[in-house]
Amino acid sequence: MPTDPPARSRVTLSVNGTKHELDIDNRSTLLDVLREQLDLIGPKKGCDHGQCGACTVLADGRRINACLALAVAVAGRQITTVEGLAARDGLSDELSPVQQAFLEYDAYQCGYCTSGQLCSATGMLAEAAAGWPSAVTTDTVPELDTAEIRERMSGNLCRCGAYVNIVAAIESVAHAR
């Protein structure tokens, strides 16, 4: 019994400010398209089940797990990977405040989770600035203390246990704003 080939779509993905016209299998995850077709290896395939956060990217500024999002579903949205967080104007590679803080606070060990942590922290800071509550928010305007940051970053795991430094780095950026 012959089987039909997988359905394919022609989509436009805007990734880190660049538009890409792609012909993709409708079943392809955003993570696979980023890594295999666009050669963006920052987002990692950790668990491939949306449980570790190593694949976290931003879609229109909101955090998503790229391993769970179908690429066809995010067509037309602005995707930012860790490679797109820094200001790249052709003249300099100035790090984002979150990236700089991770360096200053030694908020990484092996580095496998770092790209997801950076994207998640960037999105989380924007969510908090917009006044979005978390499960531990007690005020109408969330104060980004240790408990609040830990709750908001709980979807991003670090096997090396660099949490203390990750939280300190994020806290330094939050308090600098």
C-alpha atoms as a PDB file:
ATOM      1  CA  MET A   1       0.000   0.000   0.000  1.00  0.00           C
ATOM      2  CA  PRO A   2       1.692   3.232  -1.113  1.00  0.00           C
ATOM      3  CA  THR A   3       1.999   6.055   1.359  1.00  0.00           C
ATOM      4  CA  ASP A   4       1.738   9.706   0.554  1.00  0.00           C
ATOM      5  CA  PRO A   5       4.836  11.826   1.116  1.00  0.00           C
ATOM      6  CA  PRO A   6       4.710  14.107   4.155  1.00  0.00           C
ATOM      7  CA  ALA A   7       2.922  17.402   3.611  1.00  0.00           C
ATOM      8  CA  ARG A   8       5.263  20.333   3.019  1.00  0.00           C
ATOM      9  CA  SER A   9       4.760  24.075   3.227  1.00  0.00           C
ATOM     10  CA  ARG A  10       6.592  27.118   1.972  1.00  0.00           C
ATOM     11  CA  VAL A  11       6.977  29.443   4.976  1.00  0.00           C
ATOM     12  CA  THR A  12       8.735  32.650   5.864  1.00  0.00           C
ATOM     13  CA  LEU A  13      10.522  32.581   9.189  1.00  0.00           C
ATOM     14  CA  SER A  14      11.936  35.818  10.564  1.00  0.00           C
ATOM     15  CA  VAL A  15      14.834  34.793  12.774  1.00  0.00           C
ATOM     16  CA  ASN A  16      17.103  37.302  14.497  1.00  0.00           C
ATOM     17  CA  GLY A  17      15.922  40.014  12.131  1.00  0.00           C
ATOM     18  CA  THR A  18      16.519  38.050   8.925  1.00  0.00           C
ATOM     19  CA  LYS A  19      13.714  36.593   6.814  1.00  0.00           C
ATOM     20  CA  HIS A  20      14.167  33.064   5.542  1.00  0.00           C
ATOM     21  CA  GLU A  21      11.992  31.506   2.826  1.00  0.00           C
ATOM     22  CA  LEU A  22      11.919  27.790   3.551  1.00  0.00           C
ATOM     23  CA  ASP A  23      10.277  24.677   2.197  1.00  0.00           C
ATOM     24  CA  ILE A  24       9.668  22.545   5.275  1.00  0.00           C
ATOM     25  CA  ASP A  25       7.957  19.354   6.302  1.00  0.00           C
ATOM     26  CA  ASN A  26       4.818  20.386   8.227  1.00  0.00           C
ATOM     27  CA  ARG A  27       5.898  18.107  11.079  1.00  0.00           C
ATOM     28  CA  SER A  28       9.244  19.897  11.604  1.00  0.00           C
ATOM     29  CA  THR A  29       9.747  21.570  14.935  1.00  0.00           C
ATOM     30  CA  LEU A  30      11.109  25.072  15.105  1.00  0.00           C
ATOM     31  CA  LEU A  31      14.164  23.677  16.893  1.00  0.00           C
ATOM     32  CA  ASP A  32      14.965  21.280  14.061  1.00  0.00           C
ATOM     33  CA  VAL A  33      14.525  23.995  11.431  1.00  0.00           C
ATOM     34  CA  LEU A  34      16.733  26.419  13.381  1.00  0.00           C
ATOM     35  CA  ARG A  35      19.501  23.881  13.878  1.00  0.00           C
ATOM     36  CA  GLU A  36      19.352  21.822  10.696  1.00  0.00           C
ATOM     37  CA  GLN A  37      18.295  24.326   8.032  1.00  0.00           C
ATOM     38  CA  LEU A  38      19.443  27.684   9.410  1.00  0.00           C
ATOM     39  CA  ASP A  39      22.607  26.461  11.180  1.00  0.00           C
ATOM     40  CA  LEU A  40      21.676  28.253  14.419  1.00  0.00           C
ATOM     41  CA  ILE A  41      23.075  25.900  17.016  1.00  0.00           C
ATOM     42  CA  GLY A  42      22.446  28.052  20.095  1.00  0.00           C
ATOM     43  CA  PRO A  43      19.103  26.452  20.969  1.00  0.00           C
ATOM     44  CA  LYS A  44      19.853  22.933  22.169  1.00  0.00           C
ATOM     45  CA  LYS A  45      17.905  19.692  21.964  1.00  0.00           C
ATOM     46  CA  GLY A  46      18.044  18.608  25.595  1.00  0.00           C
ATOM     47  CA  CYS A  47      15.004  16.516  26.367  1.00  0.00           C
ATOM     48  CA  ASP A  48      12.946  17.056  23.182  1.00  0.00           C
ATOM     49  CA  HIS A  49       9.833  17.053  25.413  1.00  0.00           C
ATOM     50  CA  GLY A  50       9.633  20.682  26.591  1.00  0.00           C
ATOM     51  CA  GLN A  51      10.851  19.847  30.083  1.00  0.00           C
ATOM     52  CA  CYS A  52      14.411  21.195  30.268  1.00  0.00           C
ATOM     53  CA  GLY A  53      14.297  24.620  28.563  1.00  0.00           C
ATOM     54  CA  ALA A  54      17.579  24.210  26.647  1.00  0.00           C
ATOM     55  CA  CYS A  55      15.674  24.999  23.442  1.00  0.00           C
ATOM     56  CA  THR A  56      14.022  28.196  24.726  1.00  0.00           C
ATOM     57  CA  VAL A  57      13.755  30.986  22.153  1.00  0.00           C
ATOM     58  CA  LEU A  58      11.631  34.122  21.954  1.00  0.00           C
ATOM     59  CA  ALA A  59       8.652  34.410  19.602  1.00  0.00           C
ATOM     60  CA  ASP A  60       7.507  38.028  19.426  1.00  0.00           C
ATOM     61  CA  GLY A  61       9.351  38.495  22.722  1.00  0.00           C
ATOM     62  CA  ARG A  62       7.558  35.624  24.483  1.00  0.00           C
ATOM     63  CA  ARG A  63       9.352  32.500  25.672  1.00  0.00           C
ATOM     64  CA  ILE A  64       8.615  29.264  23.843  1.00  0.00           C
ATOM     65  CA  ASN A  65      10.130  25.799  23.770  1.00  0.00           C
ATOM     66  CA  ALA A  66      11.359  25.415  20.202  1.00  0.00           C
ATOM     67  CA  CYS A  67      11.282  21.621  20.526  1.00  0.00           C
ATOM     68  CA  LEU A  68       7.492  21.731  20.944  1.00  0.00           C
ATOM     69  CA  ALA A  69       6.580  24.474  18.466  1.00  0.00           C
ATOM     70  CA  LEU A  70       5.937  23.463  14.898  1.00  0.00           C
ATOM     71  CA  ALA A  71       7.827  25.720  12.510  1.00  0.00           C
ATOM     72  CA  VAL A  72       4.698  26.264  10.383  1.00  0.00           C
ATOM     73  CA  ALA A  73       2.880  27.536  13.496  1.00  0.00           C
ATOM     74  CA  VAL A  74       5.385  30.323  14.141  1.00  0.00           C
ATOM     75  CA  ALA A  75       5.659  31.550  10.562  1.00  0.00           C
ATOM     76  CA  GLY A  76       5.229  35.322  10.532  1.00  0.00           C
ATOM     77  CA  ARG A  77       6.365  35.769  14.130  1.00  0.00           C
ATOM     78  CA  GLN A  78       9.677  37.378  15.102  1.00  0.00           C
ATOM     79  CA  ILE A  79      11.917  34.590  16.412  1.00  0.00           C
ATOM     80  CA  THR A  80      14.954  35.478  18.514  1.00  0.00           C
ATOM     81  CA  THR A  81      17.560  32.902  19.425  1.00  0.00           C
ATOM     82  CA  VAL A  82      20.559  33.424  21.682  1.00  0.00           C
ATOM     83  CA  GLU A  83      22.498  34.415  18.559  1.00  0.00           C
ATOM     84  CA  GLY A  84      20.152  37.387  18.153  1.00  0.00           C
ATOM     85  CA  LEU A  85      20.259  38.747  21.713  1.00  0.00           C
ATOM     86  CA  ALA A  86      23.454  40.755  21.252  1.00  0.00           C
ATOM     87  CA  ALA A  87      23.465  44.069  19.389  1.00  0.00           C
ATOM     88  CA  ARG A  88      25.020  43.197  16.058  1.00  0.00           C
ATOM     89  CA  ASP A  89      25.333  46.327  13.976  1.00  0.00           C
ATOM     90  CA  GLY A  90      28.237  45.177  11.855  1.00  0.00           C
ATOM     91  CA  LEU A  91      30.618  47.310  13.904  1.00  0.00           C
ATOM     92  CA  SER A  92      30.462  45.652  17.292  1.00  0.00           C
ATOM     93  CA  ASP A  93      29.129  42.601  19.083  1.00  0.00           C
ATOM     94  CA  GLU A  94      27.882  44.296  22.240  1.00  0.00           C
ATOM     95  CA  LEU A  95      26.345  41.747  24.572  1.00  0.00           C
ATOM     96  CA  SER A  96      22.821  42.174  25.871  1.00  0.00           C
ATOM     97  CA  PRO A  97      22.572  43.127  29.562  1.00  0.00           C
ATOM     98  CA  VAL A  98      21.553  39.554  30.421  1.00  0.00           C
ATOM     99  CA  GLN A  99      24.482  38.059  28.515  1.00  0.00           C
ATOM    100  CA  GLN A 100      26.892  40.481  30.176  1.00  0.00           C
ATOM    101  CA  ALA A 101      25.516  39.646  33.615  1.00  0.00           C
ATOM    102  CA  PHE A 102      25.881  35.907  32.977  1.00  0.00           C
ATOM    103  CA  LEU A 103      29.556  36.502  32.220  1.00  0.00           C
ATOM    104  CA  GLU A 104      30.108  38.751  35.233  1.00  0.00           C
ATOM    105  CA  TYR A 105      28.358  36.379  37.655  1.00  0.00           C
ATOM    106  CA  ASP A 106      29.811  33.163  36.194  1.00  0.00           C
ATOM    107  CA  ALA A 107      26.251  31.955  35.597  1.00  0.00           C
ATOM    108  CA  TYR A 108      27.175  28.941  33.520  1.00  0.00           C
ATOM    109  CA  GLN A 109      29.119  25.746  33.949  1.00  0.00           C
ATOM    110  CA  CYS A 110      29.178  23.404  30.966  1.00  0.00           C
ATOM    111  CA  GLY A 111      27.150  25.903  28.911  1.00  0.00           C
ATOM    112  CA  TYR A 112      24.642  23.450  27.467  1.00  0.00           C
ATOM    113  CA  CYS A 113      21.627  25.153  29.052  1.00  0.00           C
ATOM    114  CA  THR A 114      23.017  28.682  28.805  1.00  0.00           C
ATOM    115  CA  SER A 115      21.386  29.716  25.526  1.00  0.00           C
ATOM    116  CA  GLY A 116      17.963  28.655  26.798  1.00  0.00           C
ATOM    117  CA  GLN A 117      18.621  30.314  30.162  1.00  0.00           C
ATOM    118  CA  LEU A 118      19.600  33.580  28.422  1.00  0.00           C
ATOM    119  CA  CYS A 119      16.513  33.651  26.198  1.00  0.00           C
ATOM    120  CA  SER A 120      14.257  32.682  29.084  1.00  0.00           C
ATOM    121  CA  ALA A 121      15.752  35.342  31.366  1.00  0.00           C
ATOM    122  CA  THR A 122      15.323  37.982  28.654  1.00  0.00           C
ATOM    123  CA  GLY A 123      11.679  37.033  28.150  1.00  0.00           C
ATOM    124  CA  MET A 124      11.043  36.729  31.879  1.00  0.00           C
ATOM    125  CA  LEU A 125      12.389  40.212  32.570  1.00  0.00           C
ATOM    126  CA  ALA A 126      10.059  41.627  29.917  1.00  0.00           C
ATOM    127  CA  GLU A 127       7.090  39.728  31.410  1.00  0.00           C
ATOM    128  CA  ALA A 128       7.845  41.068  34.881  1.00  0.00           C
ATOM    129  CA  ALA A 129       8.299  44.614  33.526  1.00  0.00           C
ATOM    130  CA  ALA A 130       4.859  44.298  31.922  1.00  0.00           C
ATOM    131  CA  GLY A 131       3.432  43.380  35.342  1.00  0.00           C
ATOM    132  CA  TRP A 132       2.632  39.753  34.617  1.00  0.00           C
ATOM    133  CA  PRO A 133       2.350  37.782  37.867  1.00  0.00           C
ATOM    134  CA  SER A 134       3.862  34.376  38.576  1.00  0.00           C
ATOM    135  CA  ALA A 135       2.715  31.680  40.978  1.00  0.00           C
ATOM    136  CA  VAL A 136       4.626  33.371  43.827  1.00  0.00           C
ATOM    137  CA  THR A 137       3.842  37.021  43.048  1.00  0.00           C
ATOM    138  CA  THR A 138       2.369  38.707  46.116  1.00  0.00           C
ATOM    139  CA  ASP A 139       2.136  42.314  44.898  1.00  0.00           C
ATOM    140  CA  THR A 140       0.366  43.804  41.911  1.00  0.00           C
ATOM    141  CA  VAL A 141       3.790  44.845  40.624  1.00  0.00           C
ATOM    142  CA  PRO A 142       6.112  41.859  40.944  1.00  0.00           C
ATOM    143  CA  GLU A 143       9.404  42.485  42.714  1.00  0.00           C
ATOM    144  CA  LEU A 144      12.084  40.338  41.167  1.00  0.00           C
ATOM    145  CA  ASP A 145      13.579  38.859  44.310  1.00  0.00           C
ATOM    146  CA  THR A 146      15.212  35.442  44.509  1.00  0.00           C
ATOM    147  CA  ALA A 147      11.937  33.528  44.989  1.00  0.00           C
ATOM    148  CA  GLU A 148      10.256  35.342  42.112  1.00  0.00           C
ATOM    149  CA  ILE A 149      13.179  34.759  39.734  1.00  0.00           C
ATOM    150  CA  ARG A 150      13.460  31.092  40.712  1.00  0.00           C
ATOM    151  CA  GLU A 151       9.751  30.558  40.044  1.00  0.00           C
ATOM    152  CA  ARG A 152       9.823  32.367  36.713  1.00  0.00           C
ATOM    153  CA  MET A 153      12.933  30.468  35.563  1.00  0.00           C
ATOM    154  CA  SER A 154      11.742  27.074  36.829  1.00  0.00           C
ATOM    155  CA  GLY A 155      11.224  25.753  33.292  1.00  0.00           C
ATOM    156  CA  ASN A 156      14.942  25.982  32.588  1.00  0.00           C
ATOM    157  CA  LEU A 157      17.089  23.268  34.117  1.00  0.00           C
ATOM    158  CA  CYS A 158      20.836  23.331  34.718  1.00  0.00           C
ATOM    159  CA  ARG A 159      22.383  19.931  35.301  1.00  0.00           C
ATOM    160  CA  CYS A 160      25.534  21.563  36.657  1.00  0.00           C
ATOM    161  CA  GLY A 161      23.615  23.424  39.365  1.00  0.00           C
ATOM    162  CA  ALA A 162      24.651  26.992  38.534  1.00  0.00           C
ATOM    163  CA  TYR A 163      21.300  28.286  39.811  1.00  0.00           C
ATOM    164  CA  VAL A 164      22.744  30.565  42.499  1.00  0.00           C
ATOM    165  CA  ASN A 165      24.812  32.447  39.931  1.00  0.00           C
ATOM    166  CA  ILE A 166      22.030  32.426  37.322  1.00  0.00           C
ATOM    167  CA  VAL A 167      19.613  34.021  39.783  1.00  0.00           C
ATOM    168  CA  ALA A 168      22.235  36.550  40.910  1.00  0.00           C
ATOM    169  CA  ALA A 169      22.924  37.528  37.292  1.00  0.00           C
ATOM    170  CA  ILE A 170      19.222  38.005  36.515  1.00  0.00           C
ATOM    171  CA  GLU A 171      18.695  39.896  39.760  1.00  0.00           C
ATOM    172  CA  SER A 172      21.521  42.289  38.864  1.00  0.00           C
ATOM    173  CA  VAL A 173      19.881  43.078  35.511  1.00  0.00           C
ATOM    174  CA  ALA A 174      16.439  43.481  37.091  1.00  0.00           C
ATOM    175  CA  HIS A 175      17.748  45.905  39.705  1.00  0.00           C
ATOM    176  CA  ALA A 176      19.744  47.876  37.131  1.00  0.00           C
ATOM    177  CA  ARG A 177      16.550  48.704  35.199  1.00  0.00           C
END
